[in-house]
Amino acid sequence: MSPLPSDPYIELDVPDAKTEQEFLRLVVQIAAMKYRALHDKDSTPPQTSCHNDIALRQRVG
C-alpha cells in the first residue's frame, strides 16, 4: 500500500449544475482529471464536456 500524500484534500471548482445528478457527474469527472494530473504524468487527461477553469464552488447538502 502506498503512503498517503501529505495533503489528502483536492479543491474542486465545479460548474453550476441544474440537477444534483449533473453536479455529481461533473465532480467525478473533475476529480478524476485532477487525480490523474497528480499521479499519471505520462497519460493524457480524459476528454470531458466540463470546463476546466470554472470558479463557482458548490457543495452537496
PDB file of N, CA and C in Angstrom:
ATOM      1  N   MET A   1       0.847  -1.179   0.000  1.00  0.00           N
ATOM      2  CA  MET A   1       0.000   0.000   0.000  1.00  0.00           C
ATOM      3  C   MET A   1       0.891   1.239   0.000  1.00  0.00           C
ATOM      4  N   SER A   2       0.597   2.165  -0.860  1.00  0.00           N
ATOM      5  CA  SER A   2       1.416   3.367  -0.957  1.00  0.00           C
ATOM      6  C   SER A   2       1.046   4.362   0.140  1.00  0.00           C
ATOM      7  N   PRO A   3       2.000   5.169   0.570  1.00  0.00           N
ATOM      8  CA  PRO A   3       1.709   6.154   1.624  1.00  0.00           C
ATOM      9  C   PRO A   3       0.755   7.235   1.124  1.00  0.00           C
ATOM     10  N   LEU A   4       0.016   7.794   2.047  1.00  0.00           N
ATOM     11  CA  LEU A   4      -0.912   8.873   1.706  1.00  0.00           C
ATOM     12  C   LEU A   4      -0.141  10.160   1.455  1.00  0.00           C
ATOM     13  N   PRO A   5      -0.628  10.988   0.538  1.00  0.00           N
ATOM     14  CA  PRO A   5       0.033  12.282   0.334  1.00  0.00           C
ATOM     15  C   PRO A   5      -0.100  13.145   1.577  1.00  0.00           C
ATOM     16  N   SER A   6       0.776  14.129   1.713  1.00  0.00           N
ATOM     17  CA  SER A   6       0.751  14.978   2.901  1.00  0.00           C
ATOM     18  C   SER A   6      -0.532  15.794   2.991  1.00  0.00           C
ATOM     19  N   ASP A   7      -1.127  16.143   1.869  1.00  0.00           N
ATOM     20  CA  ASP A   7      -2.385  16.883   1.851  1.00  0.00           C
ATOM     21  C   ASP A   7      -3.421  16.056   1.094  1.00  0.00           C
ATOM     22  N   PRO A   8      -4.286  15.316   1.805  1.00  0.00           N
ATOM     23  CA  PRO A   8      -5.217  14.400   1.138  1.00  0.00           C
ATOM     24  C   PRO A   8      -6.411  15.093   0.486  1.00  0.00           C
ATOM     25  N   TYR A   9      -6.492  16.413   0.547  1.00  0.00           N
ATOM     26  CA  TYR A   9      -7.645  17.131   0.007  1.00  0.00           C
ATOM     27  C   TYR A   9      -7.300  17.774  -1.326  1.00  0.00           C
ATOM     28  N   ILE A  10      -8.241  17.710  -2.243  1.00  0.00           N
ATOM     29  CA  ILE A  10      -8.104  18.366  -3.539  1.00  0.00           C
ATOM     30  C   ILE A  10      -9.266  19.333  -3.673  1.00  0.00           C
ATOM     31  N   GLU A  11      -8.960  20.601  -3.920  1.00  0.00           N
ATOM     32  CA  GLU A  11     -10.018  21.598  -4.102  1.00  0.00           C
ATOM     33  C   GLU A  11     -10.560  21.486  -5.522  1.00  0.00           C
ATOM     34  N   LEU A  12     -11.879  21.414  -5.642  1.00  0.00           N
ATOM     35  CA  LEU A  12     -12.521  21.292  -6.947  1.00  0.00           C
ATOM     36  C   LEU A  12     -13.370  22.519  -7.227  1.00  0.00           C
ATOM     37  N   ASP A  13     -13.218  23.066  -8.404  1.00  0.00           N
ATOM     38  CA  ASP A  13     -14.080  24.147  -8.876  1.00  0.00           C
ATOM     39  C   ASP A  13     -15.077  23.521  -9.837  1.00  0.00           C
ATOM     40  N   VAL A  14     -16.358  23.570  -9.477  1.00  0.00           N
ATOM     41  CA  VAL A  14     -17.399  22.852 -10.211  1.00  0.00           C
ATOM     42  C   VAL A  14     -18.381  23.843 -10.813  1.00  0.00           C
ATOM     43  N   PRO A  15     -18.805  23.587 -12.055  1.00  0.00           N
ATOM     44  CA  PRO A  15     -19.769  24.485 -12.694  1.00  0.00           C
ATOM     45  C   PRO A  15     -21.132  24.423 -12.027  1.00  0.00           C
ATOM     46  N   ASP A  16     -21.936  25.405 -12.321  1.00  0.00           N
ATOM     47  CA  ASP A  16     -23.298  25.459 -11.803  1.00  0.00           C
ATOM     48  C   ASP A  16     -24.132  24.405 -12.521  1.00  0.00           C
ATOM     49  N   ALA A  17     -24.513  23.362 -11.825  1.00  0.00           N
ATOM     50  CA  ALA A  17     -25.294  22.274 -12.414  1.00  0.00           C
ATOM     51  C   ALA A  17     -26.775  22.487 -12.123  1.00  0.00           C
ATOM     52  N   LYS A  18     -27.595  22.017 -13.037  1.00  0.00           N
ATOM     53  CA  LYS A  18     -29.040  22.181 -12.878  1.00  0.00           C
ATOM     54  C   LYS A  18     -29.653  21.123 -11.963  1.00  0.00           C
ATOM     55  N   THR A  19     -29.010  19.962 -11.865  1.00  0.00           N
ATOM     56  CA  THR A  19     -29.518  18.885 -11.015  1.00  0.00           C
ATOM     57  C   THR A  19     -28.381  18.333 -10.158  1.00  0.00           C
ATOM     58  N   GLU A  20     -28.740  17.636  -9.105  1.00  0.00           N
ATOM     59  CA  GLU A  20     -27.724  17.011  -8.250  1.00  0.00           C
ATOM     60  C   GLU A  20     -26.968  15.936  -9.027  1.00  0.00           C
ATOM     61  N   GLN A  21     -27.672  15.200  -9.885  1.00  0.00           N
ATOM     62  CA  GLN A  21     -27.025  14.162 -10.689  1.00  0.00           C
ATOM     63  C   GLN A  21     -25.961  14.765 -11.610  1.00  0.00           C
ATOM     64  N   GLU A  22     -26.279  15.881 -12.253  1.00  0.00           N
ATOM     65  CA  GLU A  22     -25.314  16.554 -13.123  1.00  0.00           C
ATOM     66  C   GLU A  22     -24.125  17.065 -12.309  1.00  0.00           C
ATOM     67  N   PHE A  23     -24.393  17.625 -11.140  1.00  0.00           N
ATOM     68  CA  PHE A  23     -23.331  18.109 -10.258  1.00  0.00           C
ATOM     69  C   PHE A  23     -22.381  16.970  -9.876  1.00  0.00           C
ATOM     70  N   LEU A  24     -22.944  15.832  -9.470  1.00  0.00           N
ATOM     71  CA  LEU A  24     -22.117  14.699  -9.064  1.00  0.00           C
ATOM     72  C   LEU A  24     -21.299  14.156 -10.235  1.00  0.00           C
ATOM     73  N   ARG A  25     -21.886  14.106 -11.425  1.00  0.00           N
ATOM     74  CA  ARG A  25     -21.166  13.641 -12.609  1.00  0.00           C
ATOM     75  C   ARG A  25     -19.967  14.553 -12.888  1.00  0.00           C
ATOM     76  N   LEU A  26     -20.184  15.853 -12.808  1.00  0.00           N
ATOM     77  CA  LEU A  26     -19.107  16.810 -13.057  1.00  0.00           C
ATOM     78  C   LEU A  26     -18.018  16.726 -11.993  1.00  0.00           C
ATOM     79  N   VAL A  27     -18.415  16.553 -10.741  1.00  0.00           N
ATOM     80  CA  VAL A  27     -17.436  16.429  -9.652  1.00  0.00           C
ATOM     81  C   VAL A  27     -16.538  15.219  -9.884  1.00  0.00           C
ATOM     82  N   VAL A  28     -17.133  14.098 -10.266  1.00  0.00           N
ATOM     83  CA  VAL A  28     -16.343  12.882 -10.505  1.00  0.00           C
ATOM     84  C   VAL A  28     -15.392  13.087 -11.682  1.00  0.00           C
ATOM     85  N   GLN A  29     -15.862  13.704 -12.753  1.00  0.00           N
ATOM     86  CA  GLN A  29     -15.002  13.952 -13.913  1.00  0.00           C
ATOM     87  C   GLN A  29     -13.823  14.857 -13.546  1.00  0.00           C
ATOM     88  N   ILE A  30     -14.094  15.927 -12.831  1.00  0.00           N
ATOM     89  CA  ILE A  30     -13.041  16.869 -12.458  1.00  0.00           C
ATOM     90  C   ILE A  30     -12.064  16.224 -11.478  1.00  0.00           C
ATOM     91  N   ALA A  31     -12.588  15.466 -10.512  1.00  0.00           N
ATOM     92  CA  ALA A  31     -11.718  14.786  -9.548  1.00  0.00           C
ATOM     93  C   ALA A  31     -10.809  13.784 -10.256  1.00  0.00           C
ATOM     94  N   ALA A  32     -11.340  13.046 -11.223  1.00  0.00           N
ATOM     95  CA  ALA A  32     -10.530  12.084 -11.973  1.00  0.00           C
ATOM     96  C   ALA A  32      -9.431  12.799 -12.752  1.00  0.00           C
ATOM     97  N   MET A  33      -9.764  13.923 -13.365  1.00  0.00           N
ATOM     98  CA  MET A  33      -8.763  14.691 -14.112  1.00  0.00           C
ATOM     99  C   MET A  33      -7.645  15.179 -13.192  1.00  0.00           C
ATOM    100  N   LYS A  34      -8.018  15.712 -12.028  1.00  0.00           N
ATOM    101  CA  LYS A  34      -7.006  16.226 -11.095  1.00  0.00           C
ATOM    102  C   LYS A  34      -6.159  15.090 -10.531  1.00  0.00           C
ATOM    103  N   TYR A  35      -6.790  13.959 -10.201  1.00  0.00           N
ATOM    104  CA  TYR A  35      -6.050  12.812  -9.670  1.00  0.00           C
ATOM    105  C   TYR A  35      -5.031  12.323 -10.693  1.00  0.00           C
ATOM    106  N   ARG A  36      -5.481  12.179 -11.934  1.00  0.00           N
ATOM    107  CA  ARG A  36      -4.572  11.706 -12.982  1.00  0.00           C
ATOM    108  C   ARG A  36      -3.452  12.705 -13.234  1.00  0.00           C
ATOM    109  N   ALA A  37      -3.763  13.983 -13.153  1.00  0.00           N
ATOM    110  CA  ALA A  37      -2.729  15.004 -13.353  1.00  0.00           C
ATOM    111  C   ALA A  37      -1.657  14.914 -12.267  1.00  0.00           C
ATOM    112  N   LEU A  38      -2.066  14.559 -11.054  1.00  0.00           N
ATOM    113  CA  LEU A  38      -1.114  14.453  -9.946  1.00  0.00           C
ATOM    114  C   LEU A  38      -0.344  13.139  -9.954  1.00  0.00           C
ATOM    115  N   HIS A  39      -0.959  12.055 -10.453  1.00  0.00           N
ATOM    116  CA  HIS A  39      -0.371  10.731 -10.313  1.00  0.00           C
ATOM    117  C   HIS A  39       0.076  10.087 -11.619  1.00  0.00           C
ATOM    118  N   ASP A  40      -0.432  10.488 -12.728  1.00  0.00           N
ATOM    119  CA  ASP A  40      -0.106   9.876 -14.018  1.00  0.00           C
ATOM    120  C   ASP A  40       0.503  10.920 -14.932  1.00  0.00           C
ATOM    121  N   LYS A  41       1.755  11.206 -14.772  1.00  0.00           N
ATOM    122  CA  LYS A  41       2.399  12.264 -15.552  1.00  0.00           C
ATOM    123  C   LYS A  41       2.480  11.919 -17.041  1.00  0.00           C
ATOM    124  N   ASP A  42       2.489  10.642 -17.402  1.00  0.00           N
ATOM    125  CA  ASP A  42       2.656  10.248 -18.798  1.00  0.00           C
ATOM    126  C   ASP A  42       1.344  10.021 -19.536  1.00  0.00           C
ATOM    127  N   SER A  43       0.217  10.038 -18.843  1.00  0.00           N
ATOM    128  CA  SER A  43      -1.054   9.774 -19.519  1.00  0.00           C
ATOM    129  C   SER A  43      -1.752  11.082 -19.872  1.00  0.00           C
ATOM    130  N   THR A  44      -2.649  11.022 -20.814  1.00  0.00           N
ATOM    131  CA  THR A  44      -3.414  12.204 -21.196  1.00  0.00           C
ATOM    132  C   THR A  44      -4.687  12.257 -20.377  1.00  0.00           C
ATOM    133  N   PRO A  45      -5.157  13.441 -20.014  1.00  0.00           N
ATOM    134  CA  PRO A  45      -6.385  13.544 -19.227  1.00  0.00           C
ATOM    135  C   PRO A  45      -7.594  13.113 -20.053  1.00  0.00           C
ATOM    136  N   PRO A  46      -8.642  12.618 -19.396  1.00  0.00           N
ATOM    137  CA  PRO A  46      -9.833  12.186 -20.119  1.00  0.00           C
ATOM    138  C   PRO A  46     -10.532  13.367 -20.783  1.00  0.00           C
ATOM    139  N   GLN A  47     -11.200  13.106 -21.879  1.00  0.00           N
ATOM    140  CA  GLN A  47     -11.965  14.138 -22.565  1.00  0.00           C
ATOM    141  C   GLN A  47     -13.314  14.285 -21.877  1.00  0.00           C
ATOM    142  N   THR A  48     -13.645  15.484 -21.442  1.00  0.00           N
ATOM    143  CA  THR A  48     -14.917  15.732 -20.784  1.00  0.00           C
ATOM    144  C   THR A  48     -15.566  16.966 -21.374  1.00  0.00           C
ATOM    145  N   SER A  49     -16.856  17.092 -21.117  1.00  0.00           N
ATOM    146  CA  SER A  49     -17.578  18.250 -21.620  1.00  0.00           C
ATOM    147  C   SER A  49     -17.562  19.407 -20.625  1.00  0.00           C
ATOM    148  N   CYS A  50     -16.978  19.189 -19.437  1.00  0.00           N
ATOM    149  CA  CYS A  50     -16.971  20.251 -18.430  1.00  0.00           C
ATOM    150  C   CYS A  50     -15.854  21.246 -18.715  1.00  0.00           C
ATOM    151  N   HIS A  51     -15.984  22.427 -18.176  1.00  0.00           N
ATOM    152  CA  HIS A  51     -14.983  23.472 -18.352  1.00  0.00           C
ATOM    153  C   HIS A  51     -13.873  23.275 -17.328  1.00  0.00           C
ATOM    154  N   ASN A  52     -12.642  23.489 -17.727  1.00  0.00           N
ATOM    155  CA  ASN A  52     -11.507  23.259 -16.840  1.00  0.00           C
ATOM    156  C   ASN A  52     -11.303  24.373 -15.826  1.00  0.00           C
ATOM    157  N   ASP A  53     -11.589  25.604 -16.188  1.00  0.00           N
ATOM    158  CA  ASP A  53     -11.307  26.743 -15.311  1.00  0.00           C
ATOM    159  C   ASP A  53     -12.604  27.399 -14.856  1.00  0.00           C
ATOM    160  N   ILE A  54     -13.357  26.706 -14.032  1.00  0.00           N
ATOM    161  CA  ILE A  54     -14.644  27.214 -13.571  1.00  0.00           C
ATOM    162  C   ILE A  54     -14.505  27.625 -12.115  1.00  0.00           C
ATOM    163  N   ALA A  55     -15.038  28.794 -11.775  1.00  0.00           N
ATOM    164  CA  ALA A  55     -14.787  29.355 -10.457  1.00  0.00           C
ATOM    165  C   ALA A  55     -15.910  29.139  -9.455  1.00  0.00           C
ATOM    166  N   LEU A  56     -17.046  28.637  -9.850  1.00  0.00           N
ATOM    167  CA  LEU A  56     -18.163  28.501  -8.928  1.00  0.00           C
ATOM    168  C   LEU A  56     -18.021  27.225  -8.118  1.00  0.00           C
ATOM    169  N   ARG A  57     -18.036  27.356  -6.799  1.00  0.00           N
ATOM    170  CA  ARG A  57     -17.932  26.186  -5.926  1.00  0.00           C
ATOM    171  C   ARG A  57     -19.311  25.840  -5.396  1.00  0.00           C
ATOM    172  N   GLN A  58     -19.604  24.543  -5.404  1.00  0.00           N
ATOM    173  CA  GLN A  58     -20.880  24.076  -4.874  1.00  0.00           C
ATOM    174  C   GLN A  58     -20.613  22.954  -3.885  1.00  0.00           C
ATOM    175  N   ARG A  59     -21.547  22.760  -3.020  1.00  0.00           N
ATOM    176  CA  ARG A  59     -21.472  21.648  -2.072  1.00  0.00           C
ATOM    177  C   ARG A  59     -22.778  20.887  -2.121  1.00  0.00           C
ATOM    178  N   VAL A  60     -22.684  19.580  -1.975  1.00  0.00           N
ATOM    179  CA  VAL A  60     -23.888  18.761  -1.875  1.00  0.00           C
ATOM    180  C   VAL A  60     -24.353  18.862  -0.436  1.00  0.00           C
ATOM    181  N   GLY A  61     -25.621  19.160  -0.235  1.00  0.00           N
ATOM    182  CA  GLY A  61     -26.061  19.325   1.144  1.00  0.00           C
ATOM    183  C   GLY A  61     -27.502  19.174   1.345  1.00  0.00           C
TER     184      GLY A  61
END
